[in-house]
PDB file of N, CA and C in Angstrom:
ATOM      1  N   UNK A   1     -51.391 -65.117  -7.016  1.00  0.00           N
ATOM      2  CA  UNK A   1     -50.580 -64.412  -7.989  1.00  0.00           C
ATOM      3  C   UNK A   1     -50.087 -63.102  -7.384  1.00  0.00           C
ATOM      4  N   UNK A   2     -48.802 -62.830  -7.481  1.00  0.00           N
ATOM      5  CA  UNK A   2     -48.195 -61.618  -6.919  1.00  0.00           C
ATOM      6  C   UNK A   2     -48.508 -60.430  -7.806  1.00  0.00           C
ATOM      7  N   UNK A   3     -48.922 -59.343  -7.170  1.00  0.00           N
ATOM      8  CA  UNK A   3     -49.184 -58.103  -7.904  1.00  0.00           C
ATOM      9  C   UNK A   3     -47.858 -57.486  -8.332  1.00  0.00           C
ATOM     10  N   UNK A   4     -47.923 -56.589  -9.274  1.00  0.00           N
ATOM     11  CA  UNK A   4     -46.709 -55.909  -9.711  1.00  0.00           C
ATOM     12  C   UNK A   4     -46.200 -55.002  -8.592  1.00  0.00           C
ATOM     13  N   UNK A   5     -44.964 -54.550  -8.714  1.00  0.00           N
ATOM     14  CA  UNK A   5     -44.387 -53.702  -7.674  1.00  0.00           C
ATOM     15  C   UNK A   5     -45.082 -52.341  -7.660  1.00  0.00           C
ATOM     16  N   UNK A   6     -45.051 -51.666  -6.518  1.00  0.00           N
ATOM     17  CA  UNK A   6     -45.749 -50.384  -6.382  1.00  0.00           C
ATOM     18  C   UNK A   6     -45.190 -49.318  -7.319  1.00  0.00           C
ATOM     19  N   UNK A   7     -46.075 -48.453  -7.792  1.00  0.00           N
ATOM     20  CA  UNK A   7     -45.674 -47.277  -8.564  1.00  0.00           C
ATOM     21  C   UNK A   7     -45.559 -46.120  -7.585  1.00  0.00           C
ATOM     22  N   UNK A   8     -44.425 -45.460  -7.557  1.00  0.00           N
ATOM     23  CA  UNK A   8     -44.217 -44.323  -6.665  1.00  0.00           C
ATOM     24  C   UNK A   8     -44.290 -43.058  -7.512  1.00  0.00           C
ATOM     25  N   UNK A   9     -45.192 -42.151  -7.168  1.00  0.00           N
ATOM     26  CA  UNK A   9     -45.412 -40.908  -7.906  1.00  0.00           C
ATOM     27  C   UNK A   9     -45.574 -41.164  -9.402  1.00  0.00           C
ATOM     28  N   UNK A  10     -46.562 -41.992  -9.782  1.00  0.00           N
ATOM     29  CA  UNK A  10     -46.714 -42.343 -11.201  1.00  0.00           C
ATOM     30  C   UNK A  10     -47.215 -41.182 -12.048  1.00  0.00           C
ATOM     31  N   UNK A  11     -46.816 -41.179 -13.299  1.00  0.00           N
ATOM     32  CA  UNK A  11     -47.341 -40.210 -14.263  1.00  0.00           C
ATOM     33  C   UNK A  11     -48.657 -40.757 -14.807  1.00  0.00           C
ATOM     34  N   UNK A  12     -49.378 -39.951 -15.567  1.00  0.00           N
ATOM     35  CA  UNK A  12     -50.625 -40.406 -16.179  1.00  0.00           C
ATOM     36  C   UNK A  12     -50.356 -41.592 -17.110  1.00  0.00           C
ATOM     37  N   UNK A  13     -49.267 -41.545 -17.835  1.00  0.00           N
ATOM     38  CA  UNK A  13     -48.902 -42.644 -18.733  1.00  0.00           C
ATOM     39  C   UNK A  13     -48.639 -43.915 -17.939  1.00  0.00           C
ATOM     40  N   UNK A  14     -47.936 -43.799 -16.812  1.00  0.00           N
ATOM     41  CA  UNK A  14     -47.686 -44.960 -15.955  1.00  0.00           C
ATOM     42  C   UNK A  14     -49.003 -45.596 -15.509  1.00  0.00           C
ATOM     43  N   UNK A  15     -49.956 -44.762 -15.137  1.00  0.00           N
ATOM     44  CA  UNK A  15     -51.243 -45.266 -14.661  1.00  0.00           C
ATOM     45  C   UNK A  15     -52.018 -45.963 -15.773  1.00  0.00           C
ATOM     46  N   UNK A  16     -51.969 -45.415 -16.970  1.00  0.00           N
ATOM     47  CA  UNK A  16     -52.669 -46.044 -18.092  1.00  0.00           C
ATOM     48  C   UNK A  16     -52.066 -47.404 -18.419  1.00  0.00           C
ATOM     49  N   UNK A  17     -50.768 -47.515 -18.350  1.00  0.00           N
ATOM     50  CA  UNK A  17     -50.084 -48.779 -18.658  1.00  0.00           C
ATOM     51  C   UNK A  17     -50.222 -49.800 -17.531  1.00  0.00           C
ATOM     52  N   UNK A  18     -50.540 -49.374 -16.323  1.00  0.00           N
ATOM     53  CA  UNK A  18     -50.569 -50.249 -15.157  1.00  0.00           C
ATOM     54  C   UNK A  18     -51.897 -50.954 -14.948  1.00  0.00           C
ATOM     55  N   UNK A  19     -52.873 -50.698 -15.777  1.00  0.00           N
ATOM     56  CA  UNK A  19     -54.197 -51.277 -15.550  1.00  0.00           C
ATOM     57  C   UNK A  19     -54.137 -52.779 -15.569  1.00  0.00           C
ATOM     58  N   UNK A  20     -54.929 -53.479 -14.798  1.00  0.00           N
ATOM     59  CA  UNK A  20     -55.860 -52.922 -13.824  1.00  0.00           C
ATOM     60  C   UNK A  20     -55.144 -52.576 -12.511  1.00  0.00           C
ATOM     61  N   UNK A  21     -55.597 -51.515 -11.896  1.00  0.00           N
ATOM     62  CA  UNK A  21     -55.065 -51.102 -10.598  1.00  0.00           C
ATOM     63  C   UNK A  21     -56.046 -51.590  -9.543  1.00  0.00           C
ATOM     64  N   UNK A  22     -55.547 -52.387  -8.617  1.00  0.00           N
ATOM     65  CA  UNK A  22     -56.418 -52.982  -7.603  1.00  0.00           C
ATOM     66  C   UNK A  22     -56.450 -52.187  -6.307  1.00  0.00           C
ATOM     67  N   UNK A  23     -55.409 -51.375  -6.073  1.00  0.00           N
ATOM     68  CA  UNK A  23     -55.392 -50.588  -4.847  1.00  0.00           C
ATOM     69  C   UNK A  23     -54.553 -49.330  -5.034  1.00  0.00           C
ATOM     70  N   UNK A  24     -54.876 -48.330  -4.214  1.00  0.00           N
ATOM     71  CA  UNK A  24     -54.163 -47.054  -4.223  1.00  0.00           C
ATOM     72  C   UNK A  24     -53.814 -46.732  -2.773  1.00  0.00           C
ATOM     73  N   UNK A  25     -52.585 -46.270  -2.553  1.00  0.00           N
ATOM     74  CA  UNK A  25     -52.121 -45.964  -1.196  1.00  0.00           C
ATOM     75  C   UNK A  25     -51.456 -44.593  -1.201  1.00  0.00           C
ATOM     76  N   UNK A  26     -51.732 -43.818  -0.163  1.00  0.00           N
ATOM     77  CA  UNK A  26     -51.100 -42.511   0.020  1.00  0.00           C
ATOM     78  C   UNK A  26     -50.487 -42.503   1.416  1.00  0.00           C
ATOM     79  N   UNK A  27     -49.228 -42.104   1.502  1.00  0.00           N
ATOM     80  CA  UNK A  27     -48.515 -42.075   2.778  1.00  0.00           C
ATOM     81  C   UNK A  27     -47.878 -40.710   2.975  1.00  0.00           C
ATOM     82  N   UNK A  28     -47.769 -40.293   4.230  1.00  0.00           N
ATOM     83  CA  UNK A  28     -47.010 -39.086   4.586  1.00  0.00           C
ATOM     84  C   UNK A  28     -46.169 -39.437   5.808  1.00  0.00           C
ATOM     85  N   UNK A  29     -44.936 -38.924   5.826  1.00  0.00           N
ATOM     86  CA  UNK A  29     -43.998 -39.243   6.895  1.00  0.00           C
ATOM     87  C   UNK A  29     -43.464 -37.974   7.537  1.00  0.00           C
ATOM     88  N   UNK A  30     -43.193 -38.044   8.837  1.00  0.00           N
ATOM     89  CA  UNK A  30     -42.524 -36.957   9.553  1.00  0.00           C
ATOM     90  C   UNK A  30     -41.035 -37.029   9.242  1.00  0.00           C
ATOM     91  N   UNK A  31     -40.308 -35.994   9.592  1.00  0.00           N
ATOM     92  CA  UNK A  31     -38.882 -35.944   9.333  1.00  0.00           C
ATOM     93  C   UNK A  31     -38.107 -37.044  10.020  1.00  0.00           C
ATOM     94  N   UNK A  32     -38.624 -37.550  11.129  1.00  0.00           N
ATOM     95  CA  UNK A  32     -37.932 -38.624  11.838  1.00  0.00           C
ATOM     96  C   UNK A  32     -38.354 -40.003  11.346  1.00  0.00           C
ATOM     97  N   UNK A  33     -39.146 -40.054  10.264  1.00  0.00           N
ATOM     98  CA  UNK A  33     -39.536 -41.325   9.668  1.00  0.00           C
ATOM     99  C   UNK A  33     -40.849 -41.893  10.164  1.00  0.00           C
ATOM    100  N   UNK A  34     -41.468 -41.242  11.161  1.00  0.00           N
ATOM    101  CA  UNK A  34     -42.773 -41.725  11.641  1.00  0.00           C
ATOM    102  C   UNK A  34     -43.818 -41.544  10.555  1.00  0.00           C
ATOM    103  N   UNK A  35     -44.680 -42.545  10.380  1.00  0.00           N
ATOM    104  CA  UNK A  35     -45.760 -42.432   9.409  1.00  0.00           C
ATOM    105  C   UNK A  35     -46.842 -41.528  10.002  1.00  0.00           C
ATOM    106  N   UNK A  36     -47.173 -40.451   9.311  1.00  0.00           N
ATOM    107  CA  UNK A  36     -48.186 -39.514   9.779  1.00  0.00           C
ATOM    108  C   UNK A  36     -49.563 -39.813   9.186  1.00  0.00           C
ATOM    109  N   UNK A  37     -49.575 -40.324   7.967  1.00  0.00           N
ATOM    110  CA  UNK A  37     -50.838 -40.516   7.259  1.00  0.00           C
ATOM    111  C   UNK A  37     -50.746 -41.750   6.390  1.00  0.00           C
ATOM    112  N   UNK A  38     -51.812 -42.541   6.401  1.00  0.00           N
ATOM    113  CA  UNK A  38     -51.918 -43.696   5.529  1.00  0.00           C
ATOM    114  C   UNK A  38     -53.355 -43.772   5.062  1.00  0.00           C
ATOM    115  N   UNK A  39     -53.566 -43.564   3.803  1.00  0.00           N
ATOM    116  CA  UNK A  39     -54.892 -43.709   3.206  1.00  0.00           C
ATOM    117  C   UNK A  39     -54.775 -44.786   2.143  1.00  0.00           C
ATOM    118  N   UNK A  40     -55.572 -45.836   2.249  1.00  0.00           N
ATOM    119  CA  UNK A  40     -55.528 -46.927   1.290  1.00  0.00           C
ATOM    120  C   UNK A  40     -56.934 -47.248   0.829  1.00  0.00           C
ATOM    121  N   UNK A  41     -57.051 -47.633  -0.438  1.00  0.00           N
ATOM    122  CA  UNK A  41     -58.349 -47.983  -0.991  1.00  0.00           C
ATOM    123  C   UNK A  41     -58.146 -49.118  -1.985  1.00  0.00           C
ATOM    124  N   UNK A  42     -59.055 -50.073  -1.981  1.00  0.00           N
ATOM    125  CA  UNK A  42     -58.977 -51.171  -2.926  1.00  0.00           C
ATOM    126  C   UNK A  42     -58.820 -52.509  -2.232  1.00  0.00           C
ATOM    127  N   UNK A  43     -58.437 -53.500  -3.015  1.00  0.00           N
ATOM    128  CA  UNK A  43     -58.256 -54.850  -2.517  1.00  0.00           C
ATOM    129  C   UNK A  43     -56.763 -55.155  -2.527  1.00  0.00           C
ATOM    130  N   UNK A  44     -56.212 -55.491  -1.344  1.00  0.00           N
ATOM    131  CA  UNK A  44     -54.785 -55.751  -1.239  1.00  0.00           C
ATOM    132  C   UNK A  44     -54.526 -56.582   0.010  1.00  0.00           C
ATOM    133  N   UNK A  45     -53.395 -57.283  -0.002  1.00  0.00           N
ATOM    134  CA  UNK A  45     -52.990 -58.068   1.162  1.00  0.00           C
ATOM    135  C   UNK A  45     -52.108 -57.201   2.054  1.00  0.00           C
ATOM    136  N   UNK A  46     -51.875 -57.693   3.263  1.00  0.00           N
ATOM    137  CA  UNK A  46     -50.972 -56.966   4.152  1.00  0.00           C
ATOM    138  C   UNK A  46     -49.585 -56.863   3.527  1.00  0.00           C
ATOM    139  N   UNK A  47     -49.131 -57.919   2.875  1.00  0.00           N
ATOM    140  CA  UNK A  47     -47.802 -57.911   2.242  1.00  0.00           C
ATOM    141  C   UNK A  47     -47.717 -56.839   1.152  1.00  0.00           C
ATOM    142  N   UNK A  48     -48.789 -56.678   0.366  1.00  0.00           N
ATOM    143  CA  UNK A  48     -48.803 -55.634  -0.673  1.00  0.00           C
ATOM    144  C   UNK A  48     -48.797 -54.247  -0.042  1.00  0.00           C
ATOM    145  N   UNK A  49     -49.569 -54.073   1.049  1.00  0.00           N
ATOM    146  CA  UNK A  49     -49.574 -52.774   1.740  1.00  0.00           C
ATOM    147  C   UNK A  49     -48.192 -52.477   2.299  1.00  0.00           C
ATOM    148  N   UNK A  50     -47.564 -53.481   2.915  1.00  0.00           N
ATOM    149  CA  UNK A  50     -46.246 -53.302   3.503  1.00  0.00           C
ATOM    150  C   UNK A  50     -45.216 -52.936   2.436  1.00  0.00           C
ATOM    151  N   UNK A  51     -45.282 -53.561   1.279  1.00  0.00           N
ATOM    152  CA  UNK A  51     -44.369 -53.235   0.176  1.00  0.00           C
ATOM    153  C   UNK A  51     -44.579 -51.791  -0.288  1.00  0.00           C
ATOM    154  N   UNK A  52     -45.843 -51.372  -0.381  1.00  0.00           N
ATOM    155  CA  UNK A  52     -46.144 -49.991  -0.783  1.00  0.00           C
ATOM    156  C   UNK A  52     -45.647 -49.004   0.273  1.00  0.00           C
ATOM    157  N   UNK A  53     -45.828 -49.336   1.553  1.00  0.00           N
ATOM    158  CA  UNK A  53     -45.373 -48.452   2.636  1.00  0.00           C
ATOM    159  C   UNK A  53     -43.854 -48.323   2.623  1.00  0.00           C
ATOM    160  N   UNK A  54     -43.156 -49.424   2.407  1.00  0.00           N
ATOM    161  CA  UNK A  54     -41.690 -49.371   2.344  1.00  0.00           C
ATOM    162  C   UNK A  54     -41.208 -48.547   1.149  1.00  0.00           C
ATOM    163  N   UNK A  55     -41.867 -48.697   0.000  1.00  0.00           N
ATOM    164  CA  UNK A  55     -41.487 -47.916  -1.185  1.00  0.00           C
ATOM    165  C   UNK A  55     -41.716 -46.425  -0.940  1.00  0.00           C
ATOM    166  N   UNK A  56     -42.835 -46.094  -0.283  1.00  0.00           N
ATOM    167  CA  UNK A  56     -43.139 -44.690   0.010  1.00  0.00           C
ATOM    168  C   UNK A  56     -42.131 -44.118   1.007  1.00  0.00           C
ATOM    169  N   UNK A  57     -41.792 -44.895   2.027  1.00  0.00           N
ATOM    170  CA  UNK A  57     -40.827 -44.429   3.022  1.00  0.00           C
ATOM    171  C   UNK A  57     -39.461 -44.198   2.384  1.00  0.00           C
ATOM    172  N   UNK A  58     -39.059 -45.094   1.505  1.00  0.00           N
ATOM    173  CA  UNK A  58     -37.780 -44.935   0.809  1.00  0.00           C
ATOM    174  C   UNK A  58     -37.791 -43.661  -0.036  1.00  0.00           C
ATOM    175  N   UNK A  59     -38.889 -43.434  -0.755  1.00  0.00           N
ATOM    176  CA  UNK A  59     -38.977 -42.253  -1.621  1.00  0.00           C
ATOM    177  C   UNK A  59     -39.017 -40.959  -0.815  1.00  0.00           C
ATOM    178  N   UNK A  60     -39.640 -40.997   0.359  1.00  0.00           N
ATOM    179  CA  UNK A  60     -39.821 -39.776   1.143  1.00  0.00           C
ATOM    180  C   UNK A  60     -38.718 -39.504   2.163  1.00  0.00           C
ATOM    181  N   UNK A  61     -38.183 -40.545   2.759  1.00  0.00           N
ATOM    182  CA  UNK A  61     -37.379 -40.351   3.963  1.00  0.00           C
ATOM    183  C   UNK A  61     -35.907 -40.713   3.843  1.00  0.00           C
ATOM    184  N   UNK A  62     -35.512 -41.455   2.853  1.00  0.00           N
ATOM    185  CA  UNK A  62     -34.120 -41.865   2.761  1.00  0.00           C
ATOM    186  C   UNK A  62     -33.271 -40.710   2.254  1.00  0.00           C
ATOM    187  N   UNK A  63     -31.982 -40.798   2.471  1.00  0.00           N
ATOM    188  CA  UNK A  63     -31.065 -39.700   2.175  1.00  0.00           C
ATOM    189  C   UNK A  63     -31.154 -39.184   0.751  1.00  0.00           C
ATOM    190  N   UNK A  64     -31.306 -40.079  -0.223  1.00  0.00           N
ATOM    191  CA  UNK A  64     -31.306 -39.652  -1.621  1.00  0.00           C
ATOM    192  C   UNK A  64     -32.674 -39.223  -2.121  1.00  0.00           C
ATOM    193  N   UNK A  65     -33.735 -39.414  -1.350  1.00  0.00           N
ATOM    194  CA  UNK A  65     -35.073 -39.122  -1.843  1.00  0.00           C
ATOM    195  C   UNK A  65     -35.779 -38.108  -0.995  1.00  0.00           C
ATOM    196  N   UNK A  66     -36.920 -37.664  -1.457  1.00  0.00           N
ATOM    197  CA  UNK A  66     -37.778 -36.793  -0.686  1.00  0.00           C
ATOM    198  C   UNK A  66     -37.297 -35.354  -0.597  1.00  0.00           C
ATOM    199  N   UNK A  67     -38.024 -34.615   0.197  1.00  0.00           N
ATOM    200  CA  UNK A  67     -37.754 -33.202   0.438  1.00  0.00           C
ATOM    201  C   UNK A  67     -37.549 -33.041   1.930  1.00  0.00           C
ATOM    202  N   UNK A  68     -36.527 -32.326   2.335  1.00  0.00           N
ATOM    203  CA  UNK A  68     -36.309 -32.086   3.755  1.00  0.00           C
ATOM    204  C   UNK A  68     -37.454 -31.281   4.342  1.00  0.00           C
ATOM    205  N   UNK A  69     -37.799 -31.563   5.576  1.00  0.00           N
ATOM    206  CA  UNK A  69     -38.934 -30.885   6.187  1.00  0.00           C
ATOM    207  C   UNK A  69     -38.721 -29.394   6.336  1.00  0.00           C
ATOM    208  N   UNK A  70     -37.501 -28.957   6.500  1.00  0.00           N
ATOM    209  CA  UNK A  70     -37.241 -27.530   6.668  1.00  0.00           C
ATOM    210  C   UNK A  70     -37.068 -26.824   5.330  1.00  0.00           C
ATOM    211  N   UNK A  71     -37.031 -27.584   4.240  1.00  0.00           N
ATOM    212  CA  UNK A  71     -36.860 -26.976   2.925  1.00  0.00           C
ATOM    213  C   UNK A  71     -38.163 -26.338   2.470  1.00  0.00           C
ATOM    214  N   UNK A  72     -38.037 -25.244   1.734  1.00  0.00           N
ATOM    215  CA  UNK A  72     -39.205 -24.654   1.121  1.00  0.00           C
ATOM    216  C   UNK A  72     -39.604 -25.486  -0.078  1.00  0.00           C
ATOM    217  N   UNK A  73     -40.833 -25.373  -0.506  1.00  0.00           N
ATOM    218  CA  UNK A  73     -41.274 -26.098  -1.685  1.00  0.00           C
ATOM    219  C   UNK A  73     -42.282 -25.254  -2.432  1.00  0.00           C
ATOM    220  N   UNK A  74     -42.499 -25.585  -3.688  1.00  0.00           N
ATOM    221  CA  UNK A  74     -43.448 -24.854  -4.500  1.00  0.00           C
ATOM    222  C   UNK A  74     -44.689 -25.710  -4.681  1.00  0.00           C
ATOM    223  N   UNK A  75     -45.855 -25.157  -4.335  1.00  0.00           N
ATOM    224  CA  UNK A  75     -47.123 -25.847  -4.471  1.00  0.00           C
ATOM    225  C   UNK A  75     -48.053 -24.945  -5.253  1.00  0.00           C
ATOM    226  N   UNK A  76     -48.583 -25.444  -6.350  1.00  0.00           N
ATOM    227  CA  UNK A  76     -49.478 -24.669  -7.211  1.00  0.00           C
ATOM    228  C   UNK A  76     -48.866 -23.331  -7.597  1.00  0.00           C
ATOM    229  N   UNK A  77     -47.570 -23.311  -7.860  1.00  0.00           N
ATOM    230  CA  UNK A  77     -46.893 -22.105  -8.315  1.00  0.00           C
ATOM    231  C   UNK A  77     -46.559 -21.107  -7.223  1.00  0.00           C
ATOM    232  N   UNK A  78     -46.878 -21.444  -5.947  1.00  0.00           N
ATOM    233  CA  UNK A  78     -46.597 -20.531  -4.845  1.00  0.00           C
ATOM    234  C   UNK A  78     -45.531 -21.145  -3.951  1.00  0.00           C
ATOM    235  N   UNK A  79     -44.591 -20.331  -3.514  1.00  0.00           N
ATOM    236  CA  UNK A  79     -43.554 -20.807  -2.595  1.00  0.00           C
ATOM    237  C   UNK A  79     -44.179 -20.987  -1.222  1.00  0.00           C
ATOM    238  N   UNK A  80     -43.918 -22.126  -0.613  1.00  0.00           N
ATOM    239  CA  UNK A  80     -44.494 -22.448   0.680  1.00  0.00           C
ATOM    240  C   UNK A  80     -43.408 -22.462   1.744  1.00  0.00           C
ATOM    241  N   UNK A  81     -43.820 -22.516   2.991  1.00  0.00           N
ATOM    242  CA  UNK A  81     -42.885 -22.650   4.105  1.00  0.00           C
ATOM    243  C   UNK A  81     -42.321 -24.058   4.118  1.00  0.00           C
ATOM    244  N   UNK A  82     -42.008 -24.577   5.272  1.00  0.00           N
ATOM    245  CA  UNK A  82     -41.433 -25.917   5.304  1.00  0.00           C
ATOM    246  C   UNK A  82     -42.497 -26.980   5.058  1.00  0.00           C
ATOM    247  N   UNK A  83     -42.055 -28.166   4.687  1.00  0.00           N
ATOM    248  CA  UNK A  83     -42.935 -29.251   4.278  1.00  0.00           C
ATOM    249  C   UNK A  83     -43.840 -29.728   5.414  1.00  0.00           C
ATOM    250  N   UNK A  84     -43.305 -29.841   6.614  1.00  0.00           N
ATOM    251  CA  UNK A  84     -44.112 -30.324   7.732  1.00  0.00           C
ATOM    252  C   UNK A  84     -45.268 -29.357   8.021  1.00  0.00           C
ATOM    253  N   UNK A  85     -44.986 -28.063   8.006  1.00  0.00           N
ATOM    254  CA  UNK A  85     -46.015 -27.048   8.235  1.00  0.00           C
ATOM    255  C   UNK A  85     -47.090 -27.129   7.146  1.00  0.00           C
ATOM    256  N   UNK A  86     -46.662 -27.265   5.901  1.00  0.00           N
ATOM    257  CA  UNK A  86     -47.592 -27.351   4.775  1.00  0.00           C
ATOM    258  C   UNK A  86     -48.477 -28.587   4.906  1.00  0.00           C
ATOM    259  N   UNK A  87     -47.867 -29.743   5.230  1.00  0.00           N
ATOM    260  CA  UNK A  87     -48.623 -30.984   5.349  1.00  0.00           C
ATOM    261  C   UNK A  87     -49.648 -30.888   6.468  1.00  0.00           C
ATOM    262  N   UNK A  88     -49.268 -30.308   7.589  1.00  0.00           N
ATOM    263  CA  UNK A  88     -50.219 -30.148   8.700  1.00  0.00           C
ATOM    264  C   UNK A  88     -51.421 -29.302   8.266  1.00  0.00           C
ATOM    265  N   UNK A  89     -51.183 -28.232   7.520  1.00  0.00           N
ATOM    266  CA  UNK A  89     -52.279 -27.369   7.051  1.00  0.00           C
ATOM    267  C   UNK A  89     -53.190 -28.113   6.073  1.00  0.00           C
ATOM    268  N   UNK A  90     -52.617 -28.902   5.175  1.00  0.00           N
ATOM    269  CA  UNK A  90     -53.416 -29.666   4.211  1.00  0.00           C
ATOM    270  C   UNK A  90     -54.301 -30.670   4.932  1.00  0.00           C
ATOM    271  N   UNK A  91     -53.721 -31.420   5.871  1.00  0.00           N
ATOM    272  CA  UNK A  91     -54.491 -32.421   6.609  1.00  0.00           C
ATOM    273  C   UNK A  91     -55.560 -31.754   7.464  1.00  0.00           C
ATOM    274  N   UNK A  92     -55.227 -30.645   8.100  1.00  0.00           N
ATOM    275  CA  UNK A  92     -56.200 -29.915   8.930  1.00  0.00           C
ATOM    276  C   UNK A  92     -57.384 -29.452   8.081  1.00  0.00           C
ATOM    277  N   UNK A  93     -57.111 -28.883   6.909  1.00  0.00           N
ATOM    278  CA  UNK A  93     -58.183 -28.410   6.027  1.00  0.00           C
ATOM    279  C   UNK A  93     -59.069 -29.572   5.577  1.00  0.00           C
ATOM    280  N   UNK A  94     -58.471 -30.718   5.297  1.00  0.00           N
ATOM    281  CA  UNK A  94     -59.239 -31.898   4.879  1.00  0.00           C
ATOM    282  C   UNK A  94     -60.155 -32.370   6.006  1.00  0.00           C
ATOM    283  N   UNK A  95     -59.642 -32.420   7.215  1.00  0.00           N
ATOM    284  CA  UNK A  95     -60.448 -32.850   8.361  1.00  0.00           C
ATOM    285  C   UNK A  95     -61.606 -31.874   8.581  1.00  0.00           C
ATOM    286  N   UNK A  96     -61.338 -30.589   8.501  1.00  0.00           N
ATOM    287  CA  UNK A  96     -62.394 -29.583   8.690  1.00  0.00           C
ATOM    288  C   UNK A  96     -63.490 -29.764   7.639  1.00  0.00           C
ATOM    289  N   UNK A  97     -63.104 -29.954   6.367  1.00  0.00           N
ATOM    290  CA  UNK A  97     -64.093 -30.145   5.296  1.00  0.00           C
ATOM    291  C   UNK A  97     -64.929 -31.393   5.550  1.00  0.00           C
ATOM    292  N   UNK A  98     -64.283 -32.473   5.946  1.00  0.00           N
ATOM    293  CA  UNK A  98     -64.992 -33.738   6.101  1.00  0.00           C
ATOM    294  C   UNK A  98     -65.817 -33.805   7.386  1.00  0.00           C
ATOM    295  N   UNK A  99     -65.616 -32.893   8.318  1.00  0.00           N
ATOM    296  CA  UNK A  99     -66.373 -32.898   9.559  1.00  0.00           C
ATOM    297  C   UNK A  99     -67.479 -31.842   9.574  1.00  0.00           C
ATOM    298  N   UNK A 100     -67.679 -31.137   8.468  1.00  0.00           N
ATOM    299  CA  UNK A 100     -68.715 -30.091   8.413  1.00  0.00           C
ATOM    300  C   UNK A 100     -70.100 -30.638   8.718  1.00  0.00           C
ATOM    301  N   UNK A 101     -70.374 -31.878   8.336  1.00  0.00           N
ATOM    302  CA  UNK A 101     -71.679 -32.447   8.594  1.00  0.00           C
ATOM    303  C   UNK A 101     -71.982 -32.499  10.092  1.00  0.00           C
ATOM    304  N   UNK A 102     -70.968 -32.661  10.938  1.00  0.00           N
ATOM    305  CA  UNK A 102     -71.185 -32.687  12.383  1.00  0.00           C
ATOM    306  C   UNK A 102     -71.611 -31.312  12.894  1.00  0.00           C
ATOM    307  N   UNK A 103     -71.001 -30.264  12.346  1.00  0.00           N
ATOM    308  CA  UNK A 103     -71.329 -28.906  12.771  1.00  0.00           C
ATOM    309  C   UNK A 103     -72.717 -28.487  12.311  1.00  0.00           C
ATOM    310  N   UNK A 104     -73.218 -29.099  11.238  1.00  0.00           N
ATOM    311  CA  UNK A 104     -74.518 -28.721  10.684  1.00  0.00           C
ATOM    312  C   UNK A 104     -75.683 -29.313  11.479  1.00  0.00           C
ATOM    313  N   UNK A 105     -75.416 -30.200  12.390  1.00  0.00           N
ATOM    314  CA  UNK A 105     -76.478 -30.842  13.174  1.00  0.00           C
ATOM    315  C   UNK A 105     -77.161 -29.908  14.072  1.00  0.00           C
TER     316      UNK A 105
END
C-alpha cells in the first residue's frame, strides 16, 4: 500500500490529521543544491525516502521556494546573518552537544 504524499513544513493541524505517521525526515541543502543533512526516523521504503527528499529539495532549492543563502532571516525573533552561516552554526552546536559524552571520559 502506497503511503500518502510527504507533508512539507506541516502545521500542528496537518500533523494531527495525518495520523498515523510512519516516518519523519529532515533535510538541509546548500545553495548549489547539494544535500547537507538528512535525518530520518521511522519505517519507510527507499521510494518513500526519495519522494520526501525530492519534495524537500523542491521546497528549499527551486526558484519559487526556499530562502536564498545570502538572505537574512529571522529566527526566534532575532535577525540572523545568511542562511548557510546560520545552518552551519546550528549543526555545529548539535554535534558539540551530542559528543559531550566523549569529552567526559
